[in-house]
Each structure stands twice: as structure tokens, then as C-alpha cells.
Amino acid sequence: MTKRCEGKLALVTGGAQGLGRAHCIRLAQEGARVLATDINGEGAAETAAIVNAEMGEGTAFSIGHDVTKPDQWETAVEAAREQMGGLNVLVNNAGIGVGGNIETVKIEDWQRCFDINVTSIVHGCQKALPLMREHAPGSIINISSIAGLIASDTMPAYNASKAAVWMMSKSIALHCAKKNMQIRCNSVHPTFVDTPILDGTARNAQLDKDVLLEKLARQIPLKFVGEPNDIANAVVYLASDESRFMTGAEVKLDGGISAM
């Protein structure tokens, strides 16, 4: 590894599995210290243990964290200060999907989707920016989705929430630039990625996982489903100083879907 993130201090939400775990591992491999947070505290601790086993004790830490709770954000940010010595990379990765079209989606599901996917980022930025200022330059990386740019009739809540993440990231970027914080903000927009979420999708669709992957791959111009590191590698770039001139932008990792 080239230690592209040497000296970076990163907090990654949704770090218990899937993309969040991949972000933690790749950031640590490139020299960052990482705090994995998740409502599944045991899963976050497992992620930290995996990182420390590879990179050495004291590289990664973990904390149970409900991203919809402002007080738990305060606790997470304080944990970053105490355990890592500060914070300059915030990866807002936690998110959920919600089913139901515009006629059938339950309002409580809609609200929960926005609480986790959107409002959590507001809480996170408000609680983390004071500490990030102390350790600038910094980077806020918001994991949106290609579904925030391309709509489907079956997922209005998810479409709307991820579109909100996209546009909010631009607003955050402009605010930080105007205040001369030396903190950038960008959004990342993956399409289908082979994570544990697809295991549940396969079960719900009563499909074999390999059959589902083949079905999804046919919708992608490159004809394959992404791997977690395909997304985590972009997070490494955005966390590193290599992207120091990039803010208010969106990174599409969609195998060409949005080009059609």
C-alpha cells in the first residue's frame, strides 16, 4: 500500500458490514486511523478487530451508534477525539432502503428512510465539523446512490432520500468553502454492489444469489456487479489529499448505467 491516507483520522458510519467495513479496511490500509460506528455495535467491533489484526492494534476503534440520535453523534465524535486524537474524514455511509411505490409506501417507513439516509448527515456534520476544523484539511464523504440520480417507480423514498444526499453534499461543500474551513464534501453514487444487502434481496425474491447477480449484471453496461472495494477505493481517493481540488462533486460508480 502507498499510505495515501497517512495521518487521516476517519469516522465511518454503518461500519459493521458491507460497504462500511470495506471503507474502514481500505482507509486503514492506506494509513488512516479509523473509528467504525454502527447501530450494530458488535459488528462495528468486529470490523475494528479485522483492521487491527491486519494493520496493528490502535489502528481501528469502534462504537455503537444510532445515527438518527444527535446525542449519540456527540458521543461518537468525542470517541474520535479521545481514541484517535481528532477527526478529519467523515464518511456518512449508514443507510437503508425502503420498499413501496408512491401509493403503497408507508409514511413511517418513508420517515425512517429520511431519518437514516438524510437527517443523520445533518446531525453528523453539525457535531463533527467543530472537531474537523481543528484537524483540517478534511473531507466529508456522503454515500448516496445512483438511485439518487436515476429514478424507479418502485422506490420513491429511497430515490428521494439519496437525491437529497446528492444535493445536500453540494450545499455542505459550498458552506465549508465560504467559511474557508479547508474541508471538502463530495457524494458517491454506487449502483448494485455485492454486499450482504443483496443476500436479503435474493431471499425476498426467492432467488439463488448467483441468479440475482446475473440478473443485476444484465442491467449494467459493464456486465458485472460491483465489489465493495470498487466503492471503497473511491472513498480512499476522496479522503486523501489527492482530491484536494475536488468539492461539491459526485462520483458515479455505476458500470455505465447513467450513461445510457
Protein backbone atom coordinates (compact mmCIF):
# COMPACT_ATOMS: atom_id res chain seq x y z
CA MET A 1 0.00 0.00 0.00
CA THR A 2 1.10 3.56 -0.71
CA LYS A 3 -0.16 5.18 2.52
CA ARG A 4 -2.26 7.67 0.57
CA CYS A 5 -4.23 8.48 3.74
CA GLU A 6 -1.33 8.71 6.16
CA GLY A 7 -2.32 10.88 9.11
CA LYS A 8 -6.04 10.84 8.32
CA LEU A 9 -8.48 10.27 11.18
CA ALA A 10 -11.72 8.81 9.84
CA LEU A 11 -15.15 8.12 11.29
CA VAL A 12 -17.20 5.70 9.17
CA THR A 13 -20.89 5.16 9.92
CA GLY A 14 -22.55 1.88 9.03
CA GLY A 15 -19.18 0.26 9.56
CA ALA A 16 -20.40 -3.16 10.71
CA GLN A 17 -20.56 -4.81 7.30
CA GLY A 18 -20.69 -4.36 3.54
CA LEU A 19 -19.51 -1.04 2.15
CA GLY A 20 -18.85 0.44 5.59
CA ARG A 21 -16.49 -2.38 6.52
CA ALA A 22 -14.73 -2.08 3.16
CA HIS A 23 -14.26 1.66 3.66
CA CYS A 24 -12.71 1.07 7.09
CA ILE A 25 -10.33 -1.58 5.83
CA ARG A 26 -9.17 0.32 2.75
CA LEU A 27 -8.70 3.60 4.64
CA ALA A 28 -6.63 1.79 7.26
CA GLN A 29 -4.58 0.00 4.61
CA GLU A 30 -3.71 3.40 3.19
CA GLY A 31 -2.53 4.77 6.53
CA ALA A 32 -5.64 6.20 8.22
CA ARG A 33 -6.81 5.52 11.74
CA VAL A 34 -10.47 4.59 11.73
CA LEU A 35 -13.47 4.69 14.06
CA ALA A 36 -16.15 2.26 12.84
CA THR A 37 -19.62 3.15 14.12
CA ASP A 38 -22.86 1.27 13.69
CA ILE A 39 -26.15 0.65 15.46
CA ASN A 40 -24.84 -2.93 15.41
CA GLY A 41 -22.06 -2.31 17.89
CA GLU A 42 -20.83 -5.91 17.82
CA GLY A 43 -20.47 -5.76 14.05
CA ALA A 44 -18.55 -2.49 14.29
CA ALA A 45 -16.25 -4.06 16.88
CA GLU A 46 -15.67 -6.98 14.53
CA THR A 47 -14.69 -4.56 11.77
CA ALA A 48 -12.20 -2.86 14.10
CA ALA A 49 -10.78 -6.25 15.09
CA ILE A 50 -10.32 -7.22 11.43
CA VAL A 51 -8.46 -3.97 10.75
CA ASN A 52 -6.27 -4.26 13.84
CA ALA A 53 -5.40 -7.86 13.05
CA GLU A 54 -4.04 -6.73 9.68
CA MET A 55 -2.65 -3.28 10.48
CA GLY A 56 -1.79 -3.49 14.19
CA GLU A 57 -3.54 -2.56 17.42
CA GLY A 58 -4.56 1.06 17.73
CA THR A 59 -5.37 1.43 14.04
CA ALA A 60 -9.13 0.99 14.39
CA PHE A 61 -11.72 1.57 17.08
CA SER A 62 -15.48 1.07 17.27
CA ILE A 63 -18.60 2.34 18.98
CA GLY A 64 -22.30 1.52 18.89
CA HIS A 65 -24.03 4.44 17.21
CA ASP A 66 -27.60 5.19 16.15
CA VAL A 67 -27.04 7.89 13.52
CA THR A 68 -30.56 9.27 13.99
CA LYS A 69 -29.74 10.40 17.55
CA PRO A 70 -27.89 13.72 17.97
CA ASP A 71 -26.65 12.77 21.44
CA GLN A 72 -25.11 9.59 20.06
CA TRP A 73 -23.35 11.68 17.42
CA GLU A 74 -21.86 13.74 20.23
CA THR A 75 -20.63 10.53 21.86
CA ALA A 76 -19.17 9.25 18.58
CA VAL A 77 -17.32 12.50 17.86
CA GLU A 78 -15.95 12.58 21.39
CA ALA A 79 -14.80 8.96 20.92
CA ALA A 80 -12.91 10.09 17.81
CA ARG A 81 -11.23 12.82 19.85
CA GLU A 82 -10.32 10.51 22.73
CA GLN A 83 -9.35 7.37 20.83
CA MET A 84 -7.79 8.76 17.65
CA GLY A 85 -6.78 12.24 18.77
CA GLY A 86 -9.12 14.04 16.41
CA LEU A 87 -11.14 13.79 13.21
CA ASN A 88 -10.65 14.98 9.64
CA VAL A 89 -12.54 12.45 7.50
CA LEU A 90 -16.25 11.79 7.95
CA VAL A 91 -17.77 9.01 5.85
CA ASN A 92 -21.57 9.14 6.10
CA ASN A 93 -22.20 5.61 4.89
CA ALA A 94 -25.13 4.40 7.03
CA GLY A 95 -28.32 3.97 5.02
CA ILE A 96 -31.37 1.83 4.38
CA GLY A 97 -33.70 1.05 1.51
CA VAL A 98 -37.49 1.18 1.75
CA GLY A 99 -39.97 -0.62 -0.45
CA GLY A 100 -43.30 0.53 -1.76
CA ASN A 101 -44.37 2.73 -4.64
CA ILE A 102 -45.90 6.17 -4.11
CA GLU A 103 -49.31 4.62 -3.38
CA THR A 104 -48.17 1.83 -1.09
CA VAL A 105 -45.14 3.16 0.80
CA LYS A 106 -45.87 3.55 4.50
CA ILE A 107 -45.29 7.06 5.81
CA GLU A 108 -43.46 5.71 8.85
CA ASP A 109 -41.08 3.84 6.51
CA TRP A 110 -40.63 6.99 4.41
CA GLN A 111 -39.76 8.99 7.53
CA ARG A 112 -37.34 6.36 8.80
CA CYS A 113 -35.62 6.31 5.41
CA PHE A 114 -35.08 10.07 5.57
CA ASP A 115 -34.06 9.96 9.23
CA ILE A 116 -31.27 7.48 8.50
CA ASN A 117 -30.24 8.45 4.97
CA VAL A 118 -30.53 12.24 5.16
CA THR A 119 -31.08 13.76 8.60
CA SER A 120 -28.26 11.68 10.06
CA ILE A 121 -25.85 13.56 7.80
CA VAL A 122 -27.13 16.88 9.16
CA HIS A 123 -26.55 15.63 12.71
CA GLY A 124 -23.14 14.27 11.75
CA CYS A 125 -21.91 17.45 10.11
CA GLN A 126 -23.19 19.68 12.91
CA LYS A 127 -21.49 17.57 15.57
CA ALA A 128 -18.29 16.72 13.67
CA LEU A 129 -17.36 19.97 11.93
CA PRO A 130 -16.05 21.75 15.05
CA LEU A 131 -13.54 18.92 15.63
CA MET A 132 -12.76 18.56 11.92
CA ARG A 133 -11.87 22.27 11.78
CA GLU A 134 -9.18 21.63 14.38
CA HIS A 135 -7.60 18.96 12.18
CA ALA A 136 -8.07 20.39 8.68
CA PRO A 137 -7.65 19.79 5.85
CA GLY A 138 -10.59 17.45 5.93
CA SER A 139 -13.10 15.59 3.81
CA ILE A 140 -16.77 14.72 4.21
CA ILE A 141 -17.79 11.80 2.01
CA ASN A 142 -21.51 11.11 1.71
CA ILE A 143 -22.52 7.75 0.27
CA SER A 144 -25.53 8.38 -1.94
CA SER A 145 -26.58 6.03 -4.76
CA ILE A 146 -27.12 6.02 -8.48
CA ALA A 147 -30.76 5.82 -7.35
CA GLY A 148 -30.34 9.43 -6.26
CA LEU A 149 -29.77 10.36 -9.91
CA ILE A 150 -31.92 7.82 -11.77
CA ALA A 151 -35.46 7.11 -10.59
CA SER A 152 -37.52 3.95 -10.29
CA ASP A 153 -41.27 3.69 -9.88
CA THR A 154 -40.81 1.15 -7.06
CA MET A 155 -38.62 3.10 -4.61
CA PRO A 156 -39.68 6.75 -4.26
CA ALA A 157 -38.47 7.01 -0.65
CA TYR A 158 -35.01 5.71 -1.49
CA ASN A 159 -34.80 7.80 -4.68
CA ALA A 160 -35.82 10.96 -2.87
CA SER A 161 -33.53 10.40 0.12
CA LYS A 162 -30.46 9.66 -1.97
CA ALA A 163 -31.19 12.64 -4.24
CA ALA A 164 -31.32 14.75 -1.08
CA VAL A 165 -27.89 13.43 -0.07
CA TRP A 166 -26.54 14.41 -3.50
CA MET A 167 -27.76 18.00 -3.36
CA MET A 168 -27.07 18.46 0.34
CA SER A 169 -23.45 17.45 -0.27
CA LYS A 170 -23.09 20.39 -2.65
CA SER A 171 -24.55 22.76 -0.09
CA ILE A 172 -22.19 21.47 2.60
CA ALA A 173 -19.25 21.86 0.21
CA LEU A 174 -20.13 25.47 -0.57
CA HIS A 175 -20.65 26.32 3.10
CA CYS A 176 -17.28 24.90 4.11
CA ALA A 177 -15.56 26.67 1.23
CA LYS A 178 -17.21 30.01 2.03
CA LYS A 179 -16.10 29.70 5.66
CA ASN A 180 -12.58 28.78 4.49
CA MET A 181 -12.61 25.63 6.63
CA GLN A 182 -10.38 23.65 4.23
CA ILE A 183 -12.95 20.85 4.46
CA ARG A 184 -14.32 19.37 1.26
CA CYS A 185 -17.58 17.48 0.72
CA ASN A 186 -18.46 15.12 -2.12
CA SER A 187 -21.02 12.38 -2.77
CA VAL A 188 -20.51 8.84 -4.05
CA HIS A 189 -23.14 7.11 -6.18
CA PRO A 190 -22.81 3.33 -6.48
CA THR A 191 -25.11 1.00 -8.35
CA PHE A 192 -25.52 -2.68 -7.41
CA VAL A 193 -22.69 -3.91 -5.18
CA ASP A 194 -22.23 -7.44 -3.86
CA THR A 195 -22.81 -6.84 -0.15
CA PRO A 196 -24.94 -8.63 2.48
CA ILE A 197 -27.85 -6.42 1.41
CA LEU A 198 -28.09 -8.47 -1.77
CA ASP A 199 -28.36 -11.65 0.30
CA GLY A 200 -31.60 -10.29 1.74
CA THR A 201 -32.75 -9.17 -1.71
CA ALA A 202 -32.19 -12.69 -3.04
CA ARG A 203 -34.16 -14.23 -0.19
CA ASN A 204 -37.04 -11.80 -0.64
CA ALA A 205 -37.13 -12.50 -4.36
CA GLN A 206 -36.78 -16.24 -3.71
CA LEU A 207 -33.76 -16.36 -5.99
CA ASP A 208 -30.40 -18.01 -5.72
CA LYS A 209 -27.76 -15.33 -5.04
CA ASP A 210 -25.85 -16.18 -8.24
CA VAL A 211 -29.04 -15.91 -10.27
CA LEU A 212 -29.74 -12.49 -8.77
CA LEU A 213 -26.19 -11.31 -9.53
CA GLU A 214 -26.56 -12.41 -13.15
CA LYS A 215 -29.90 -10.63 -13.40
CA LEU A 216 -28.49 -7.41 -11.98
CA ALA A 217 -25.36 -7.60 -14.14
CA ARG A 218 -27.50 -7.64 -17.29
CA GLN A 219 -28.70 -4.13 -16.37
CA ILE A 220 -25.14 -2.78 -16.19
CA PRO A 221 -23.25 -1.86 -19.38
CA LEU A 222 -20.02 -3.34 -17.98
CA LYS A 223 -21.97 -6.56 -17.29
CA PHE A 224 -20.86 -7.18 -13.72
CA VAL A 225 -21.96 -6.22 -10.24
CA GLY A 226 -19.53 -4.09 -8.23
CA GLU A 227 -17.43 -5.30 -5.32
CA PRO A 228 -17.17 -3.34 -2.06
CA ASN A 229 -13.61 -2.28 -2.81
CA ASP A 230 -14.76 -0.68 -6.07
CA ILE A 231 -16.55 1.85 -3.88
CA ALA A 232 -14.01 1.92 -1.04
CA ASN A 233 -11.22 2.82 -3.47
CA ALA A 234 -13.15 5.98 -4.38
CA VAL A 235 -13.55 6.77 -0.69
CA VAL A 236 -9.78 6.46 -0.29
CA TYR A 237 -9.28 8.97 -3.11
CA LEU A 238 -11.79 11.43 -1.63
CA ALA A 239 -10.28 11.08 1.85
CA SER A 240 -6.75 11.64 0.58
CA ASP A 241 -5.12 14.93 -0.37
CA GLU A 242 -5.06 13.67 -3.96
CA SER A 243 -8.59 15.07 -4.26
CA ARG A 244 -7.79 18.41 -2.59
CA PHE A 245 -9.27 20.39 -5.52
CA MET A 246 -12.49 18.36 -5.63
CA THR A 247 -15.54 19.51 -3.68
CA GLY A 248 -19.27 19.68 -4.33
CA ALA A 249 -18.90 16.89 -6.89
CA GLU A 250 -20.45 13.47 -7.36
CA VAL A 251 -18.59 10.26 -8.15
CA LYS A 252 -20.68 7.82 -10.18
CA LEU A 253 -19.67 4.18 -9.73
CA ASP A 254 -22.41 2.59 -11.79
CA GLY A 255 -20.78 0.49 -14.50
CA GLY A 256 -22.11 2.91 -17.11
CA ILE A 257 -25.83 2.88 -16.19
CA SER A 258 -26.11 6.66 -16.05
CA ALA A 259 -24.51 6.98 -19.48
CA MET A 260 -27.42 5.25 -21.19
